[in-house]
């Protein structure tokens, strides 16, 4: 086992271990992938202010996200087909998150079902919901999340229309993978992944198969998914979904100050500044660039979180210092999961935690709650603001 010191070390192992179509699913964006790239590169433009001769004993990274205590303000983001990255991936990632003391968010498009994850964990997790045309299915899905004691609903708004991801189309992405000459040749080199997948509890979309009429194989599921997202989703429907859920709700996919204000008016407990990991509107600004203008727009009316581009504890610190109350990692934990299973997710969290703690100390802070703009050096032209 190589010495693993950062998230990129996990990424290299992950790339060698999982089938190409699932690596490409994670490590790609829509169209030219400009937004996908800038989600990470824009963090590099923010510099840190070093401080010395400050008592660094008794440091703590603990905090809260939507009132829930966390070991650090980092949640595992909802990621589709996580169970194809490693056998029973959602269950193992959820368990690693629970043991580490951070929230886990299960995607609607997961391989393991809501019930699978609930039966494998002890602590309530969060459930991410897409609004679909089939409102009866959505109501049943919400009830299943309630029955599983999910403590928050994460409503994703930026997938009314599916962005085109060239690699997924060219690879013929499906779960389980379709057997073609190309995929068979690649799978033959991923024998350890294949052996583990033979033991998996599920290899199809557990929240969908058996819960939607006419879904019997990957082909029928792909056709259903392509037409299932609701293009008519608006703020009235968001308000109705919030009422139907009746619990804490987090609205994901906010990248504009006006949309942030609308989300706050719905009574959301938190909003997530996110561009879907650069997988929807290519050419949109990065999440970290848009964070300041959104914070200015909503003030303390709603808790603001950030998703997109985080690959280190320093990235987490930068987002918190700019004003976010929480952050999310998606690709970073997937790298760990694909590389080493549950241990890999734990390793990814350990890496990010150590980087956050060490950087916080070198910036002269002992608590994440004390982080602020005074810890950062931000280029004057950095903040994403539209010209009027």
Protein backbone atom coordinates (compact mmCIF):
# COMPACT_ATOMS: atom_id res chain seq x y z
CA UNK A 1 0.00 0.00 0.00
CA UNK A 2 1.50 3.36 -1.02
CA UNK A 3 1.82 6.19 1.47
CA UNK A 4 -1.34 8.30 1.14
CA UNK A 5 -0.98 11.92 2.18
CA UNK A 6 -3.54 13.81 0.08
CA UNK A 7 -6.74 13.38 -1.90
CA UNK A 8 -4.89 13.08 -5.22
CA UNK A 9 -3.11 9.98 -3.91
CA UNK A 10 -6.53 8.36 -3.48
CA UNK A 11 -7.57 9.56 -6.94
CA UNK A 12 -4.64 7.79 -8.59
CA UNK A 13 -5.52 4.47 -6.90
CA UNK A 14 -9.19 5.00 -7.75
CA UNK A 15 -8.44 5.50 -11.44
CA UNK A 16 -6.50 2.23 -11.60
CA UNK A 17 -9.13 0.25 -9.74
CA UNK A 18 -12.59 1.10 -11.12
CA UNK A 19 -14.00 0.64 -14.64
CA UNK A 20 -13.36 3.58 -16.97
CA UNK A 21 -17.02 4.52 -17.38
CA UNK A 22 -17.42 5.05 -13.62
CA UNK A 23 -14.16 6.96 -13.28
CA UNK A 24 -15.22 9.20 -16.17
CA UNK A 25 -18.67 9.65 -14.60
CA UNK A 26 -16.99 11.12 -11.54
CA UNK A 27 -14.11 12.96 -13.15
CA UNK A 28 -15.91 14.95 -15.84
CA UNK A 29 -18.25 17.84 -16.44
CA UNK A 30 -20.61 18.98 -19.15
CA UNK A 31 -19.57 20.22 -22.61
CA UNK A 32 -16.10 21.87 -22.50
CA UNK A 33 -15.75 21.24 -18.74
CA UNK A 34 -14.74 24.85 -18.08
CA UNK A 35 -16.91 25.15 -14.97
CA UNK A 36 -15.78 21.71 -13.77
CA UNK A 37 -12.13 22.84 -13.95
CA UNK A 38 -12.68 26.28 -12.43
CA UNK A 39 -14.53 24.84 -9.44
CA UNK A 40 -11.12 23.65 -8.25
CA UNK A 41 -8.73 26.14 -9.86
CA UNK A 42 -10.54 29.16 -8.42
CA UNK A 43 -9.75 27.99 -4.88
CA UNK A 44 -6.05 28.38 -5.76
CA UNK A 45 -6.55 32.10 -6.38
CA UNK A 46 -7.49 32.67 -2.74
CA UNK A 47 -4.44 32.98 -0.50
CA UNK A 48 -4.12 32.53 3.25
CA UNK A 49 -2.91 35.01 5.85
CA UNK A 50 -0.29 33.45 8.12
CA UNK A 51 -0.21 34.41 11.82
CA UNK A 52 2.33 33.50 14.52
CA UNK A 53 2.80 33.57 18.30
CA UNK A 54 -0.80 32.56 18.94
CA UNK A 55 -1.60 29.88 21.54
CA UNK A 56 -2.66 26.91 19.42
CA UNK A 57 -3.58 24.52 22.22
CA UNK A 58 -7.14 23.30 22.52
CA UNK A 59 -8.00 23.63 18.81
CA UNK A 60 -11.37 22.34 17.66
CA UNK A 61 -12.89 21.83 14.21
CA UNK A 62 -16.33 20.98 15.58
CA UNK A 63 -19.39 22.91 14.53
CA UNK A 64 -22.99 22.54 13.43
CA UNK A 65 -24.81 22.19 10.13
CA UNK A 66 -28.57 22.88 10.24
CA UNK A 67 -28.39 22.42 14.00
CA UNK A 68 -26.67 19.02 13.87
CA UNK A 69 -23.33 18.68 15.62
CA UNK A 70 -20.45 17.76 13.29
CA UNK A 71 -16.79 16.92 13.88
CA UNK A 72 -16.00 19.40 11.11
CA UNK A 73 -18.34 21.43 8.84
CA UNK A 74 -18.05 18.93 5.98
CA UNK A 75 -20.86 16.70 4.68
CA UNK A 76 -20.68 13.92 2.11
CA UNK A 77 -22.52 15.25 -0.94
CA UNK A 78 -25.14 13.22 -2.82
CA UNK A 79 -23.45 11.34 -5.65
CA UNK A 80 -25.35 9.13 -8.11
CA UNK A 81 -24.38 5.48 -8.72
CA UNK A 82 -22.00 5.49 -5.75
CA UNK A 83 -22.66 1.76 -5.41
CA UNK A 84 -20.95 1.21 -8.77
CA UNK A 85 -17.71 2.76 -7.54
CA UNK A 86 -17.42 0.06 -4.87
CA UNK A 87 -19.76 -2.73 -3.84
CA UNK A 88 -22.47 -1.35 -1.54
CA UNK A 89 -20.80 2.03 -1.82
CA UNK A 90 -23.59 4.13 -0.33
CA UNK A 91 -23.86 1.90 2.74
CA UNK A 92 -20.12 1.94 3.34
CA UNK A 93 -19.77 5.69 2.77
CA UNK A 94 -22.67 6.38 5.13
CA UNK A 95 -21.12 4.21 7.82
CA UNK A 96 -17.73 5.91 7.43
CA UNK A 97 -19.38 9.34 7.68
CA UNK A 98 -21.34 8.32 10.78
CA UNK A 99 -18.24 7.04 12.55
CA UNK A 100 -16.34 10.22 11.65
CA UNK A 101 -19.15 12.47 12.83
CA UNK A 102 -20.17 14.17 9.58
CA UNK A 103 -23.46 14.03 7.63
CA UNK A 104 -24.01 11.65 4.73
CA UNK A 105 -26.41 12.56 1.90
CA UNK A 106 -27.99 9.73 -0.09
CA UNK A 107 -28.80 10.47 -3.74
CA UNK A 108 -32.13 9.62 -5.33
CA UNK A 109 -30.01 7.95 -8.04
CA UNK A 110 -28.21 5.70 -5.59
CA UNK A 111 -27.58 1.99 -6.03
CA UNK A 112 -28.29 1.11 -2.40
CA UNK A 113 -31.81 2.12 -1.42
CA UNK A 114 -32.97 4.38 1.40
CA UNK A 115 -33.91 1.25 3.33
CA UNK A 116 -30.52 -0.39 2.69
CA UNK A 117 -28.65 2.58 4.15
CA UNK A 118 -31.05 2.98 7.07
CA UNK A 119 -30.59 -0.67 7.96
CA UNK A 120 -26.79 -0.35 7.85
CA UNK A 121 -26.43 2.81 9.97
CA UNK A 122 -27.50 4.04 13.40
CA UNK A 123 -27.59 7.80 12.91
CA UNK A 124 -30.15 9.56 10.68
CA UNK A 125 -28.74 10.60 7.30
CA UNK A 126 -29.89 13.18 4.76
CA UNK A 127 -31.80 12.29 1.61
CA UNK A 128 -31.39 14.16 -1.69
CA UNK A 129 -34.48 14.49 -3.88
CA UNK A 130 -34.91 15.33 -7.57
CA UNK A 131 -38.29 16.68 -8.61
CA UNK A 132 -39.75 14.35 -11.24
CA UNK A 133 -42.87 14.31 -13.38
CA UNK A 134 -44.29 11.31 -11.52
CA UNK A 135 -45.60 13.09 -8.43
CA UNK A 136 -47.03 9.87 -6.97
CA UNK A 137 -43.55 8.33 -7.06
CA UNK A 138 -42.09 11.47 -5.45
CA UNK A 139 -44.67 11.32 -2.64
CA UNK A 140 -43.84 7.67 -1.99
CA UNK A 141 -40.13 8.48 -2.05
CA UNK A 142 -40.61 11.26 0.50
CA UNK A 143 -42.59 8.90 2.73
CA UNK A 144 -39.83 6.29 2.49
CA UNK A 145 -37.32 8.93 3.61
CA UNK A 146 -39.58 9.82 6.52
CA UNK A 147 -39.95 6.16 7.48
CA UNK A 148 -36.15 5.82 7.41
CA UNK A 149 -35.93 8.76 9.87
CA UNK A 150 -33.87 10.92 7.50
CA UNK A 151 -33.14 14.16 9.36
CA UNK A 152 -33.10 16.48 6.32
CA UNK A 153 -34.31 16.60 2.73
CA UNK A 154 -31.82 18.01 0.23
CA UNK A 155 -33.86 19.26 -2.73
CA UNK A 156 -31.77 19.66 -5.89
CA UNK A 157 -33.10 22.34 -8.25
CA UNK A 158 -30.51 22.47 -11.04
CA UNK A 159 -31.43 19.28 -12.90
CA UNK A 160 -34.73 20.15 -14.56
CA UNK A 161 -32.98 19.57 -17.88
CA UNK A 162 -30.09 17.13 -18.03
CA UNK A 163 -26.76 18.70 -19.03
CA UNK A 164 -24.82 16.84 -21.71
CA UNK A 165 -21.75 15.01 -20.46
CA UNK A 166 -19.84 13.78 -23.47
CA UNK A 167 -17.88 11.05 -21.70
CA UNK A 168 -20.98 9.40 -20.24
CA UNK A 169 -22.60 9.24 -23.67
CA UNK A 170 -19.50 7.86 -25.35
CA UNK A 171 -18.97 5.28 -22.60
CA UNK A 172 -22.59 4.15 -22.66
CA UNK A 173 -22.84 4.71 -18.91
CA UNK A 174 -25.28 2.37 -17.17
CA UNK A 175 -25.69 0.52 -13.89
CA UNK A 176 -24.85 -2.29 -14.07
CA UNK A 177 -22.52 -1.64 -17.02
CA UNK A 178 -23.66 -2.77 -20.46
CA UNK A 179 -21.47 -5.50 -21.88
CA UNK A 180 -19.87 -4.29 -25.10
CA UNK A 181 -16.50 -5.18 -26.58
CA UNK A 182 -15.08 -1.93 -25.17
CA UNK A 183 -16.54 -2.36 -21.68
CA UNK A 184 -15.63 -6.06 -21.50
CA UNK A 185 -12.02 -5.26 -22.39
CA UNK A 186 -11.87 -2.64 -19.66
CA UNK A 187 -13.68 -4.76 -17.05
CA UNK A 188 -11.17 -7.56 -17.65
CA UNK A 189 -8.48 -5.31 -16.16
CA UNK A 190 -10.58 -4.46 -13.08
CA UNK A 191 -10.89 -7.95 -11.61
CA UNK A 192 -10.76 -6.88 -7.94
CA UNK A 193 -13.66 -4.47 -8.53
CA UNK A 194 -15.60 -7.25 -10.29
CA UNK A 195 -15.06 -9.79 -7.52
CA UNK A 196 -16.34 -7.32 -4.91
CA UNK A 197 -19.35 -6.40 -7.05
CA UNK A 198 -20.37 -10.07 -7.12
CA UNK A 199 -20.99 -9.80 -3.35
CA UNK A 200 -22.92 -6.50 -3.53
CA UNK A 201 -26.38 -6.26 -2.03
CA UNK A 202 -27.54 -4.33 -5.12
CA UNK A 203 -26.26 -3.54 -8.59
CA UNK A 204 -29.23 -1.49 -9.83
CA UNK A 205 -30.89 1.74 -8.68
CA UNK A 206 -32.46 0.71 -5.37
CA UNK A 207 -34.68 3.76 -5.00
CA UNK A 208 -36.23 3.20 -8.42
CA UNK A 209 -36.23 -0.48 -9.43
CA UNK A 210 -39.28 -2.11 -7.87
CA UNK A 211 -40.83 1.28 -7.10
CA UNK A 212 -41.64 2.51 -10.61
CA UNK A 213 -43.85 0.56 -13.03
CA UNK A 214 -42.15 -0.76 -16.15
CA UNK A 215 -38.57 -0.59 -14.86
CA UNK A 216 -37.12 -4.07 -15.33
CA UNK A 217 -33.62 -3.63 -16.80
CA UNK A 218 -30.94 -0.95 -17.38
CA UNK A 219 -32.35 -0.05 -20.80
CA UNK A 220 -35.86 0.67 -19.54
CA UNK A 221 -34.44 2.55 -16.55
CA UNK A 222 -32.25 4.75 -18.78
CA UNK A 223 -35.23 5.62 -20.98
CA UNK A 224 -37.33 6.45 -17.91
CA UNK A 225 -34.60 8.58 -16.29
CA UNK A 226 -34.02 10.59 -19.48
CA UNK A 227 -37.65 11.76 -19.45
CA UNK A 228 -38.36 11.77 -15.72
CA UNK A 229 -37.02 15.10 -14.45
CA UNK A 230 -39.68 17.80 -14.14
CA UNK A 231 -38.95 20.78 -16.43
CA UNK A 232 -41.90 22.68 -14.93
CA UNK A 233 -40.37 22.86 -11.44
CA UNK A 234 -40.89 26.33 -9.98
CA UNK A 235 -40.88 27.99 -6.56
CA UNK A 236 -44.55 27.12 -5.95
CA UNK A 237 -43.70 23.45 -6.33
CA UNK A 238 -40.70 23.89 -4.06
CA UNK A 239 -42.97 25.34 -1.36
CA UNK A 240 -45.39 22.41 -1.72
CA UNK A 241 -42.57 19.89 -1.45
CA UNK A 242 -41.33 21.60 1.69
CA UNK A 243 -44.79 21.39 3.18
CA UNK A 244 -45.14 17.73 2.21
CA UNK A 245 -41.77 16.88 3.77
CA UNK A 246 -42.52 18.77 6.99
CA UNK A 247 -38.95 18.64 8.31
CA UNK A 248 -35.64 20.35 7.73
CA UNK A 249 -34.98 21.15 4.09
CA UNK A 250 -31.78 22.15 2.28
CA UNK A 251 -32.04 23.60 -1.22
CA UNK A 252 -29.15 22.65 -3.50
CA UNK A 253 -28.14 24.19 -6.83
CA UNK A 254 -28.20 27.91 -5.97
CA UNK A 255 -25.76 29.96 -8.06
CA UNK A 256 -27.45 33.34 -8.25
CA UNK A 257 -28.26 35.95 -5.60
CA UNK A 258 -31.88 36.32 -6.75
CA UNK A 259 -32.43 32.56 -6.53
CA UNK A 260 -30.84 32.60 -3.07
CA UNK A 261 -33.39 35.20 -1.96
CA UNK A 262 -36.24 33.08 -3.33
CA UNK A 263 -34.92 30.01 -1.54
CA UNK A 264 -34.71 31.93 1.72
CA UNK A 265 -38.35 33.04 1.30
CA UNK A 266 -39.47 29.42 1.12
CA UNK A 267 -38.20 28.95 4.66
CA UNK A 268 -35.33 26.62 3.76
CA UNK A 269 -33.06 25.71 6.64
CA UNK A 270 -30.02 26.00 4.37
CA UNK A 271 -29.05 26.58 0.75
CA UNK A 272 -26.13 25.01 -1.06
CA UNK A 273 -24.18 27.19 -3.46
CA UNK A 274 -23.52 24.65 -6.20
CA UNK A 275 -23.28 24.22 -9.97
CA UNK A 276 -23.75 20.44 -9.80
CA UNK A 277 -20.02 19.87 -9.88
CA UNK A 278 -19.76 21.53 -13.29
CA UNK A 279 -22.04 18.86 -14.75
CA UNK A 280 -24.95 21.08 -15.77
CA UNK A 281 -24.44 24.63 -17.11
CA UNK A 282 -20.94 24.76 -18.53
CA UNK A 283 -19.67 28.33 -18.53
CA UNK A 284 -21.27 29.18 -15.19
CA UNK A 285 -18.99 30.66 -12.56
CA UNK A 286 -17.47 28.43 -9.91
CA UNK A 287 -19.27 27.93 -6.61
CA UNK A 288 -16.56 29.67 -4.59
CA UNK A 289 -16.71 32.74 -6.87
CA UNK A 290 -20.47 33.05 -6.44
CA UNK A 291 -20.44 32.51 -2.67
CA UNK A 292 -19.76 36.17 -1.66
CA UNK A 293 -22.62 37.69 -3.65
CA UNK A 294 -25.05 35.06 -2.38
CA UNK A 295 -23.99 35.67 1.22
CA UNK A 296 -24.51 39.39 0.69
CA UNK A 297 -27.97 38.73 -0.72
CA UNK A 298 -29.36 36.58 2.10
CA UNK A 299 -27.37 37.72 5.12
CA UNK A 300 -28.37 35.63 8.12
CA UNK A 301 -31.82 34.75 6.76
CA UNK A 302 -30.71 31.24 5.82
CA UNK A 303 -27.66 29.06 6.46
CA UNK A 304 -25.39 29.06 3.41
CA UNK A 305 -23.31 25.99 2.48
CA UNK A 306 -20.91 25.42 -0.42
CA UNK A 307 -20.45 22.45 -2.75
CA UNK A 308 -18.03 22.11 -5.65
CA UNK A 309 -14.28 21.90 -6.09
CA UNK A 310 -13.25 21.01 -2.55
CA UNK A 311 -10.24 18.70 -2.61
CA UNK A 312 -8.50 19.64 0.63
CA UNK A 313 -8.96 20.93 4.14
CA UNK A 314 -7.52 24.24 2.95
CA UNK A 315 -10.41 24.52 0.49
CA UNK A 316 -12.81 23.88 3.37
CA UNK A 317 -11.15 26.61 5.43
CA UNK A 318 -11.34 29.10 2.56
CA UNK A 319 -15.06 28.49 2.09
CA UNK A 320 -15.74 28.81 5.82
CA UNK A 321 -13.60 31.94 6.10
CA UNK A 322 -15.57 33.51 3.25
CA UNK A 323 -18.76 32.94 5.22
CA UNK A 324 -20.14 29.47 4.43
CA UNK A 325 -21.50 27.58 7.44
CA UNK A 326 -20.88 24.18 5.89
CA UNK A 327 -19.21 22.47 2.95
CA UNK A 328 -19.68 19.28 0.91
CA UNK A 329 -17.27 16.81 -0.64
CA UNK A 330 -18.39 14.60 -3.52
CA UNK A 331 -15.50 13.58 -5.76
CA UNK A 332 -13.04 13.63 -2.84
CA UNK A 333 -14.89 10.89 -0.96
CA UNK A 334 -15.62 8.95 -4.15
CA UNK A 335 -11.88 8.76 -4.85
CA UNK A 336 -11.43 7.18 -1.44
CA UNK A 337 -14.38 4.84 -1.81
CA UNK A 338 -13.30 3.59 -5.23
CA UNK A 339 -9.72 3.18 -4.06
CA UNK A 340 -10.23 1.44 -0.72
CA UNK A 341 -13.92 1.09 0.08
CA UNK A 342 -15.09 2.22 3.52
CA UNK A 343 -11.48 2.64 4.70
CA UNK A 344 -10.88 4.94 1.76
CA UNK A 345 -13.78 7.22 2.70
CA UNK A 346 -12.45 7.39 6.23
CA UNK A 347 -8.98 8.16 4.85
CA UNK A 348 -10.37 11.00 2.73
CA UNK A 349 -12.09 12.49 5.78
CA UNK A 350 -8.93 12.10 7.87
CA UNK A 351 -6.86 13.89 5.22
CA UNK A 352 -9.29 16.80 4.95
CA UNK A 353 -9.63 17.06 8.74
CA UNK A 354 -5.86 17.15 9.28
CA UNK A 355 -5.40 19.77 6.56
CA UNK A 356 -8.20 21.89 8.02
CA UNK A 357 -6.83 21.65 11.56
CA UNK A 358 -3.21 22.38 10.58
CA UNK A 359 -4.09 25.28 8.27
CA UNK A 360 -6.39 26.78 10.88
CA UNK A 361 -3.52 26.73 13.38
CA UNK A 362 -1.07 28.33 10.95
CA UNK A 363 -3.64 31.06 10.29
CA UNK A 364 -3.78 31.77 14.03
CA UNK A 365 -7.23 30.36 14.76
CA UNK A 366 -8.35 27.72 17.24
CA UNK A 367 -12.04 27.39 16.29
CA UNK A 368 -13.76 27.14 12.92
CA UNK A 369 -16.38 29.59 14.19
CA UNK A 370 -13.68 32.27 14.41
CA UNK A 371 -12.63 31.96 10.77
CA UNK A 372 -13.39 34.99 8.63
CA UNK A 373 -12.30 37.24 5.77
CA UNK A 374 -9.41 38.41 7.95
CA UNK A 375 -7.78 35.01 7.31
CA UNK A 376 -7.80 35.41 3.53
CA UNK A 377 -6.19 37.41 0.75
CA UNK A 378 -8.72 37.57 -2.10
CA UNK A 379 -8.05 39.12 -5.54
CA UNK A 380 -10.11 42.27 -6.12
CA UNK A 381 -11.71 40.85 -9.27
CA UNK A 382 -12.46 37.45 -7.73
CA UNK A 383 -15.98 37.76 -6.37
CA UNK A 384 -18.68 36.77 -8.82
CA UNK A 385 -20.99 39.72 -9.36
CA UNK A 386 -23.10 40.42 -12.44
CA UNK A 387 -22.85 43.86 -14.03
CA UNK A 388 -26.15 45.73 -13.96
